[in-house]
PDB file of N, CA and C in Angstrom:
ATOM      1  N   UNK A   1     106.109  56.448  25.853  1.00  0.00           N
ATOM      2  CA  UNK A   1     105.952  56.922  27.213  1.00  0.00           C
ATOM      3  C   UNK A   1     107.343  57.180  27.799  1.00  0.00           C
ATOM      4  N   UNK A   2     107.527  58.318  28.409  1.00  0.00           N
ATOM      5  CA  UNK A   2     108.812  58.678  28.999  1.00  0.00           C
ATOM      6  C   UNK A   2     109.094  57.798  30.209  1.00  0.00           C
ATOM      7  N   UNK A   3     110.380  57.666  30.536  1.00  0.00           N
ATOM      8  CA  UNK A   3     110.789  56.808  31.654  1.00  0.00           C
ATOM      9  C   UNK A   3     110.117  57.234  32.961  1.00  0.00           C
ATOM     10  N   UNK A   4     110.019  58.539  33.219  1.00  0.00           N
ATOM     11  CA  UNK A   4     109.378  59.033  34.437  1.00  0.00           C
ATOM     12  C   UNK A   4     107.919  58.600  34.492  1.00  0.00           C
ATOM     13  N   UNK A   5     107.223  58.701  33.360  1.00  0.00           N
ATOM     14  CA  UNK A   5     105.815  58.314  33.305  1.00  0.00           C
ATOM     15  C   UNK A   5     105.648  56.815  33.515  1.00  0.00           C
ATOM     16  N   UNK A   6     106.582  56.021  32.959  1.00  0.00           N
ATOM     17  CA  UNK A   6     106.530  54.574  33.148  1.00  0.00           C
ATOM     18  C   UNK A   6     106.729  54.222  34.616  1.00  0.00           C
ATOM     19  N   UNK A   7     107.677  54.886  35.267  1.00  0.00           N
ATOM     20  CA  UNK A   7     107.933  54.638  36.682  1.00  0.00           C
ATOM     21  C   UNK A   7     106.721  55.019  37.515  1.00  0.00           C
ATOM     22  N   UNK A   8     106.110  56.161  37.230  1.00  0.00           N
ATOM     23  CA  UNK A   8     104.929  56.608  37.965  1.00  0.00           C
ATOM     24  C   UNK A   8     103.782  55.623  37.771  1.00  0.00           C
ATOM     25  N   UNK A   9     103.600  55.118  36.558  1.00  0.00           N
ATOM     26  CA  UNK A   9     102.541  54.151  36.282  1.00  0.00           C
ATOM     27  C   UNK A   9     102.805  52.836  37.018  1.00  0.00           C
ATOM     28  N   UNK A  10     104.050  52.381  37.035  1.00  0.00           N
ATOM     29  CA  UNK A  10     104.407  51.160  37.751  1.00  0.00           C
ATOM     30  C   UNK A  10     104.148  51.309  39.247  1.00  0.00           C
ATOM     31  N   UNK A  11     104.533  52.445  39.814  1.00  0.00           N
ATOM     32  CA  UNK A  11     104.293  52.680  41.240  1.00  0.00           C
ATOM     33  C   UNK A  11     102.800  52.700  41.549  1.00  0.00           C
ATOM     34  N   UNK A  12     102.000  53.250  40.646  1.00  0.00           N
ATOM     35  CA  UNK A  12     100.549  53.290  40.852  1.00  0.00           C
ATOM     36  C   UNK A  12      99.990  51.869  40.890  1.00  0.00           C
ATOM     37  N   UNK A  13     100.446  51.014  39.980  1.00  0.00           N
ATOM     38  CA  UNK A  13      99.988  49.628  39.941  1.00  0.00           C
ATOM     39  C   UNK A  13     100.405  48.898  41.217  1.00  0.00           C
ATOM     40  N   UNK A  14     101.648  49.067  41.618  1.00  0.00           N
ATOM     41  CA  UNK A  14     102.147  48.412  42.835  1.00  0.00           C
ATOM     42  C   UNK A  14     101.355  48.862  44.050  1.00  0.00           C
ATOM     43  N   UNK A  15     101.143  50.153  44.181  1.00  0.00           N
ATOM     44  CA  UNK A  15     100.489  50.683  45.366  1.00  0.00           C
ATOM     45  C   UNK A  15      99.013  50.299  45.471  1.00  0.00           C
ATOM     46  N   UNK A  16      98.412  49.915  44.349  1.00  0.00           N
ATOM     47  CA  UNK A  16      97.018  49.479  44.372  1.00  0.00           C
ATOM     48  C   UNK A  16      96.893  47.964  44.521  1.00  0.00           C
ATOM     49  N   UNK A  17      97.994  47.256  44.476  1.00  0.00           N
ATOM     50  CA  UNK A  17      97.947  45.797  44.555  1.00  0.00           C
ATOM     51  C   UNK A  17      97.966  45.344  46.013  1.00  0.00           C
ATOM     52  N   UNK A  18      97.602  44.089  46.263  1.00  0.00           N
ATOM     53  CA  UNK A  18      97.663  43.576  47.632  1.00  0.00           C
ATOM     54  C   UNK A  18      99.096  43.275  48.081  1.00  0.00           C
ATOM     55  N   UNK A  19     100.027  43.202  47.147  1.00  0.00           N
ATOM     56  CA  UNK A  19     101.420  42.912  47.489  1.00  0.00           C
ATOM     57  C   UNK A  19     102.131  44.188  47.924  1.00  0.00           C
ATOM     58  N   UNK A  20     103.011  44.056  48.898  1.00  0.00           N
ATOM     59  CA  UNK A  20     103.831  45.175  49.352  1.00  0.00           C
ATOM     60  C   UNK A  20     105.248  44.906  48.882  1.00  0.00           C
ATOM     61  N   UNK A  21     105.846  45.896  48.241  1.00  0.00           N
ATOM     62  CA  UNK A  21     107.174  45.738  47.657  1.00  0.00           C
ATOM     63  C   UNK A  21     108.214  46.381  48.561  1.00  0.00           C
ATOM     64  N   UNK A  22     109.258  45.613  48.882  1.00  0.00           N
ATOM     65  CA  UNK A  22     110.398  46.106  49.653  1.00  0.00           C
ATOM     66  C   UNK A  22     111.655  45.957  48.816  1.00  0.00           C
ATOM     67  N   UNK A  23     112.512  46.960  48.835  1.00  0.00           N
ATOM     68  CA  UNK A  23     113.850  46.878  48.271  1.00  0.00           C
ATOM     69  C   UNK A  23     114.791  47.146  49.437  1.00  0.00           C
ATOM     70  N   UNK A  24     115.556  46.126  49.814  1.00  0.00           N
ATOM     71  CA  UNK A  24     116.389  46.218  51.010  1.00  0.00           C
ATOM     72  C   UNK A  24     117.870  46.202  50.658  1.00  0.00           C
ATOM     73  N   UNK A  25     118.655  46.841  51.512  1.00  0.00           N
ATOM     74  CA  UNK A  25     120.112  46.808  51.378  1.00  0.00           C
ATOM     75  C   UNK A  25     120.612  45.476  51.907  1.00  0.00           C
ATOM     76  N   UNK A  26     121.746  45.040  51.391  1.00  0.00           N
ATOM     77  CA  UNK A  26     122.346  43.789  51.860  1.00  0.00           C
ATOM     78  C   UNK A  26     123.256  44.090  53.044  1.00  0.00           C
ATOM     79  N   UNK A  27     122.645  44.559  54.095  1.00  0.00           N
ATOM     80  CA  UNK A  27     123.340  44.888  55.339  1.00  0.00           C
ATOM     81  C   UNK A  27     122.590  44.233  56.487  1.00  0.00           C
ATOM     82  N   UNK A  28     123.162  44.271  57.676  1.00  0.00           N
ATOM     83  CA  UNK A  28     122.564  43.668  58.855  1.00  0.00           C
ATOM     84  C   UNK A  28     121.121  44.134  59.043  1.00  0.00           C
ATOM     85  N   UNK A  29     120.219  43.205  59.175  1.00  0.00           N
ATOM     86  CA  UNK A  29     118.793  43.433  59.402  1.00  0.00           C
ATOM     87  C   UNK A  29     118.077  44.107  58.241  1.00  0.00           C
ATOM     88  N   UNK A  30     118.728  44.223  57.115  1.00  0.00           N
ATOM     89  CA  UNK A  30     118.142  44.666  55.851  1.00  0.00           C
ATOM     90  C   UNK A  30     117.452  46.029  55.928  1.00  0.00           C
ATOM     91  N   UNK A  31     118.231  47.099  56.034  1.00  0.00           N
ATOM     92  CA  UNK A  31     117.623  48.436  55.955  1.00  0.00           C
ATOM     93  C   UNK A  31     116.878  48.573  54.618  1.00  0.00           C
ATOM     94  N   UNK A  32     115.777  49.285  54.650  1.00  0.00           N
ATOM     95  CA  UNK A  32     114.900  49.396  53.484  1.00  0.00           C
ATOM     96  C   UNK A  32     115.254  50.637  52.663  1.00  0.00           C
ATOM     97  N   UNK A  33     115.498  50.432  51.370  1.00  0.00           N
ATOM     98  CA  UNK A  33     115.753  51.550  50.451  1.00  0.00           C
ATOM     99  C   UNK A  33     114.448  52.066  49.855  1.00  0.00           C
ATOM    100  N   UNK A  34     113.515  51.139  49.613  1.00  0.00           N
ATOM    101  CA  UNK A  34     112.216  51.493  49.021  1.00  0.00           C
ATOM    102  C   UNK A  34     111.169  50.563  49.585  1.00  0.00           C
ATOM    103  N   UNK A  35     110.010  51.114  49.885  1.00  0.00           N
ATOM    104  CA  UNK A  35     108.839  50.308  50.232  1.00  0.00           C
ATOM    105  C   UNK A  35     107.637  50.980  49.577  1.00  0.00           C
ATOM    106  N   UNK A  36     106.744  50.172  49.061  1.00  0.00           N
ATOM    107  CA  UNK A  36     105.569  50.733  48.391  1.00  0.00           C
ATOM    108  C   UNK A  36     104.637  51.394  49.399  1.00  0.00           C
ATOM    109  N   UNK A  37     103.893  52.370  48.907  1.00  0.00           N
ATOM    110  CA  UNK A  37     102.996  53.149  49.761  1.00  0.00           C
ATOM    111  C   UNK A  37     101.978  52.288  50.495  1.00  0.00           C
ATOM    112  N   UNK A  38     101.627  51.149  49.918  1.00  0.00           N
ATOM    113  CA  UNK A  38     100.607  50.321  50.544  1.00  0.00           C
ATOM    114  C   UNK A  38     101.099  49.579  51.787  1.00  0.00           C
ATOM    115  N   UNK A  39     102.295  49.908  52.256  1.00  0.00           N
ATOM    116  CA  UNK A  39     102.782  49.369  53.527  1.00  0.00           C
ATOM    117  C   UNK A  39     101.886  49.837  54.672  1.00  0.00           C
ATOM    118  N   UNK A  40     101.083  50.858  54.400  1.00  0.00           N
ATOM    119  CA  UNK A  40     100.126  51.319  55.421  1.00  0.00           C
ATOM    120  C   UNK A  40      99.140  50.209  55.789  1.00  0.00           C
ATOM    121  N   UNK A  41      98.968  49.226  54.914  1.00  0.00           N
ATOM    122  CA  UNK A  41      98.094  48.087  55.223  1.00  0.00           C
ATOM    123  C   UNK A  41      98.604  47.300  56.427  1.00  0.00           C
ATOM    124  N   UNK A  42      99.889  47.414  56.709  1.00  0.00           N
ATOM    125  CA  UNK A  42     100.493  46.735  57.863  1.00  0.00           C
ATOM    126  C   UNK A  42     100.596  47.661  59.075  1.00  0.00           C
ATOM    127  N   UNK A  43     100.124  48.901  58.920  1.00  0.00           N
ATOM    128  CA  UNK A  43     100.162  49.840  60.036  1.00  0.00           C
ATOM    129  C   UNK A  43     101.425  50.675  60.115  1.00  0.00           C
ATOM    130  N   UNK A  44     102.221  50.679  59.042  1.00  0.00           N
ATOM    131  CA  UNK A  44     103.463  51.446  58.994  1.00  0.00           C
ATOM    132  C   UNK A  44     103.346  52.543  57.942  1.00  0.00           C
ATOM    133  N   UNK A  45     104.305  53.462  57.965  1.00  0.00           N
ATOM    134  CA  UNK A  45     104.411  54.452  56.903  1.00  0.00           C
ATOM    135  C   UNK A  45     105.682  54.174  56.110  1.00  0.00           C
ATOM    136  N   UNK A  46     105.738  54.721  54.917  1.00  0.00           N
ATOM    137  CA  UNK A  46     106.948  54.601  54.101  1.00  0.00           C
ATOM    138  C   UNK A  46     108.132  55.182  54.863  1.00  0.00           C
ATOM    139  N   UNK A  47     107.918  56.314  55.522  1.00  0.00           N
ATOM    140  CA  UNK A  47     108.999  56.965  56.256  1.00  0.00           C
ATOM    141  C   UNK A  47     109.525  56.110  57.400  1.00  0.00           C
ATOM    142  N   UNK A  48     108.678  55.288  58.017  1.00  0.00           N
ATOM    143  CA  UNK A  48     109.145  54.389  59.076  1.00  0.00           C
ATOM    144  C   UNK A  48     110.328  53.566  58.586  1.00  0.00           C
ATOM    145  N   UNK A  49     110.236  53.106  57.351  1.00  0.00           N
ATOM    146  CA  UNK A  49     111.284  52.251  56.784  1.00  0.00           C
ATOM    147  C   UNK A  49     112.396  53.061  56.133  1.00  0.00           C
ATOM    148  N   UNK A  50     112.039  54.029  55.294  1.00  0.00           N
ATOM    149  CA  UNK A  50     113.057  54.751  54.533  1.00  0.00           C
ATOM    150  C   UNK A  50     113.908  55.657  55.415  1.00  0.00           C
ATOM    151  N   UNK A  51     113.404  56.014  56.600  1.00  0.00           N
ATOM    152  CA  UNK A  51     114.205  56.808  57.539  1.00  0.00           C
ATOM    153  C   UNK A  51     115.196  55.934  58.301  1.00  0.00           C
ATOM    154  N   UNK A  52     114.973  54.626  58.265  1.00  0.00           N
ATOM    155  CA  UNK A  52     115.850  53.705  58.980  1.00  0.00           C
ATOM    156  C   UNK A  52     115.376  53.386  60.389  1.00  0.00           C
ATOM    157  N   UNK A  53     114.268  53.972  60.819  1.00  0.00           N
ATOM    158  CA  UNK A  53     113.808  53.691  62.172  1.00  0.00           C
ATOM    159  C   UNK A  53     113.270  52.261  62.304  1.00  0.00           C
ATOM    160  N   UNK A  54     112.795  51.689  61.201  1.00  0.00           N
ATOM    161  CA  UNK A  54     112.391  50.288  61.176  1.00  0.00           C
ATOM    162  C   UNK A  54     113.120  49.618  60.018  1.00  0.00           C
ATOM    163  N   UNK A  55     113.732  48.472  60.303  1.00  0.00           N
ATOM    164  CA  UNK A  55     114.393  47.689  59.261  1.00  0.00           C
ATOM    165  C   UNK A  55     113.497  46.491  58.936  1.00  0.00           C
ATOM    166  N   UNK A  56     113.748  45.875  57.805  1.00  0.00           N
ATOM    167  CA  UNK A  56     112.906  44.749  57.398  1.00  0.00           C
ATOM    168  C   UNK A  56     112.899  43.653  58.467  1.00  0.00           C
ATOM    169  N   UNK A  57     114.045  43.373  59.066  1.00  0.00           N
ATOM    170  CA  UNK A  57     114.128  42.328  60.091  1.00  0.00           C
ATOM    171  C   UNK A  57     113.225  42.621  61.282  1.00  0.00           C
ATOM    172  N   UNK A  58     112.926  43.888  61.513  1.00  0.00           N
ATOM    173  CA  UNK A  58     112.068  44.258  62.639  1.00  0.00           C
ATOM    174  C   UNK A  58     110.625  43.771  62.479  1.00  0.00           C
ATOM    175  N   UNK A  59     110.217  43.480  61.250  1.00  0.00           N
ATOM    176  CA  UNK A  59     108.833  43.047  61.039  1.00  0.00           C
ATOM    177  C   UNK A  59     108.725  41.546  60.775  1.00  0.00           C
ATOM    178  N   UNK A  60     109.850  40.854  60.842  1.00  0.00           N
ATOM    179  CA  UNK A  60     109.835  39.393  60.707  1.00  0.00           C
ATOM    180  C   UNK A  60     109.562  38.812  62.099  1.00  0.00           C
ATOM    181  N   UNK A  61     108.659  37.855  62.165  1.00  0.00           N
ATOM    182  CA  UNK A  61     108.340  37.232  63.451  1.00  0.00           C
ATOM    183  C   UNK A  61     109.620  36.656  64.063  1.00  0.00           C
ATOM    184  N   UNK A  62     109.856  36.898  65.348  1.00  0.00           N
ATOM    185  CA  UNK A  62     111.099  36.434  65.994  1.00  0.00           C
ATOM    186  C   UNK A  62     111.377  34.937  65.796  1.00  0.00           C
ATOM    187  N   UNK A  63     110.333  34.114  65.763  1.00  0.00           N
ATOM    188  CA  UNK A  63     110.549  32.679  65.560  1.00  0.00           C
ATOM    189  C   UNK A  63     110.967  32.354  64.124  1.00  0.00           C
ATOM    190  N   UNK A  64     110.747  33.280  63.207  1.00  0.00           N
ATOM    191  CA  UNK A  64     111.100  33.062  61.801  1.00  0.00           C
ATOM    192  C   UNK A  64     112.409  33.715  61.407  1.00  0.00           C
ATOM    193  N   UNK A  65     112.946  34.575  62.258  1.00  0.00           N
ATOM    194  CA  UNK A  65     114.085  35.412  61.867  1.00  0.00           C
ATOM    195  C   UNK A  65     115.324  34.601  61.494  1.00  0.00           C
ATOM    196  N   UNK A  66     115.669  33.575  62.262  1.00  0.00           N
ATOM    197  CA  UNK A  66     116.848  32.767  61.918  1.00  0.00           C
ATOM    198  C   UNK A  66     116.674  32.059  60.583  1.00  0.00           C
ATOM    199  N   UNK A  67     115.469  31.567  60.314  1.00  0.00           N
ATOM    200  CA  UNK A  67     115.196  30.920  59.035  1.00  0.00           C
ATOM    201  C   UNK A  67     115.332  31.916  57.889  1.00  0.00           C
ATOM    202  N   UNK A  68     114.746  33.096  58.050  1.00  0.00           N
ATOM    203  CA  UNK A  68     114.819  34.119  57.003  1.00  0.00           C
ATOM    204  C   UNK A  68     116.273  34.511  56.770  1.00  0.00           C
ATOM    205  N   UNK A  69     117.023  34.706  57.835  1.00  0.00           N
ATOM    206  CA  UNK A  69     118.446  35.055  57.686  1.00  0.00           C
ATOM    207  C   UNK A  69     119.200  33.968  56.919  1.00  0.00           C
ATOM    208  N   UNK A  70     118.934  32.705  57.235  1.00  0.00           N
ATOM    209  CA  UNK A  70     119.638  31.619  56.538  1.00  0.00           C
ATOM    210  C   UNK A  70     119.236  31.561  55.065  1.00  0.00           C
ATOM    211  N   UNK A  71     117.967  31.838  54.765  1.00  0.00           N
ATOM    212  CA  UNK A  71     117.527  31.854  53.368  1.00  0.00           C
ATOM    213  C   UNK A  71     118.143  33.011  52.588  1.00  0.00           C
ATOM    214  N   UNK A  72     118.236  34.168  53.217  1.00  0.00           N
ATOM    215  CA  UNK A  72     118.874  35.315  52.563  1.00  0.00           C
ATOM    216  C   UNK A  72     120.338  34.988  52.283  1.00  0.00           C
ATOM    217  N   UNK A  73     121.019  34.409  53.259  1.00  0.00           N
ATOM    218  CA  UNK A  73     122.430  34.041  53.078  1.00  0.00           C
ATOM    219  C   UNK A  73     122.577  33.012  51.966  1.00  0.00           C
ATOM    220  N   UNK A  74     121.733  31.989  51.975  1.00  0.00           N
ATOM    221  CA  UNK A  74     121.797  30.958  50.942  1.00  0.00           C
ATOM    222  C   UNK A  74     121.563  31.548  49.554  1.00  0.00           C
ATOM    223  N   UNK A  75     120.554  32.382  49.425  1.00  0.00           N
ATOM    224  CA  UNK A  75     120.285  33.003  48.129  1.00  0.00           C
ATOM    225  C   UNK A  75     121.432  33.888  47.685  1.00  0.00           C
ATOM    226  N   UNK A  76     122.018  34.597  48.626  1.00  0.00           N
ATOM    227  CA  UNK A  76     123.156  35.459  48.305  1.00  0.00           C
ATOM    228  C   UNK A  76     124.347  34.621  47.831  1.00  0.00           C
ATOM    229  N   UNK A  77     124.625  33.554  48.527  1.00  0.00           N
ATOM    230  CA  UNK A  77     125.741  32.669  48.152  1.00  0.00           C
ATOM    231  C   UNK A  77     125.528  32.027  46.792  1.00  0.00           C
ATOM    232  N   UNK A  78     124.262  31.793  46.434  1.00  0.00           N
ATOM    233  CA  UNK A  78     123.929  31.209  45.128  1.00  0.00           C
ATOM    234  C   UNK A  78     123.888  32.254  44.018  1.00  0.00           C
ATOM    235  N   UNK A  79     124.108  33.522  44.378  1.00  0.00           N
ATOM    236  CA  UNK A  79     124.131  34.586  43.378  1.00  0.00           C
ATOM    237  C   UNK A  79     122.776  35.139  43.011  1.00  0.00           C
ATOM    238  N   UNK A  80     121.744  34.766  43.748  1.00  0.00           N
ATOM    239  CA  UNK A  80     120.400  35.292  43.482  1.00  0.00           C
ATOM    240  C   UNK A  80     120.320  36.719  43.999  1.00  0.00           C
ATOM    241  N   UNK A  81     119.854  37.601  43.171  1.00  0.00           N
ATOM    242  CA  UNK A  81     119.718  38.989  43.586  1.00  0.00           C
ATOM    243  C   UNK A  81     118.268  39.378  43.854  1.00  0.00           C
ATOM    244  N   UNK A  82     117.330  38.523  43.443  1.00  0.00           N
ATOM    245  CA  UNK A  82     115.905  38.780  43.669  1.00  0.00           C
ATOM    246  C   UNK A  82     115.252  37.466  44.080  1.00  0.00           C
ATOM    247  N   UNK A  83     114.382  37.550  45.046  1.00  0.00           N
ATOM    248  CA  UNK A  83     113.599  36.396  45.445  1.00  0.00           C
ATOM    249  C   UNK A  83     112.426  36.837  46.285  1.00  0.00           C
ATOM    250  N   UNK A  84     111.455  35.938  46.439  1.00  0.00           N
ATOM    251  CA  UNK A  84     110.283  36.252  47.242  1.00  0.00           C
ATOM    252  C   UNK A  84     110.217  35.312  48.416  1.00  0.00           C
TER     253      UNK A  84
END
């Protein structure tokens, strides 16, 4: 299977799953580089995120934002590049 076909198949699996995939930049408020199409389940479009009009931090509950920021910083300091 060609790389393009593998990527298309992976995206199809992701978009049909209940999980929503975000790939964010390591910048303030985590601008989104990629979000799976099934983000519509949350009432958003892919373009909302990929255009930069909404950043990942914008959808984190305000009471959780400081905790999430500290966890991102801790994971970054520990050299983790992926986490859930």
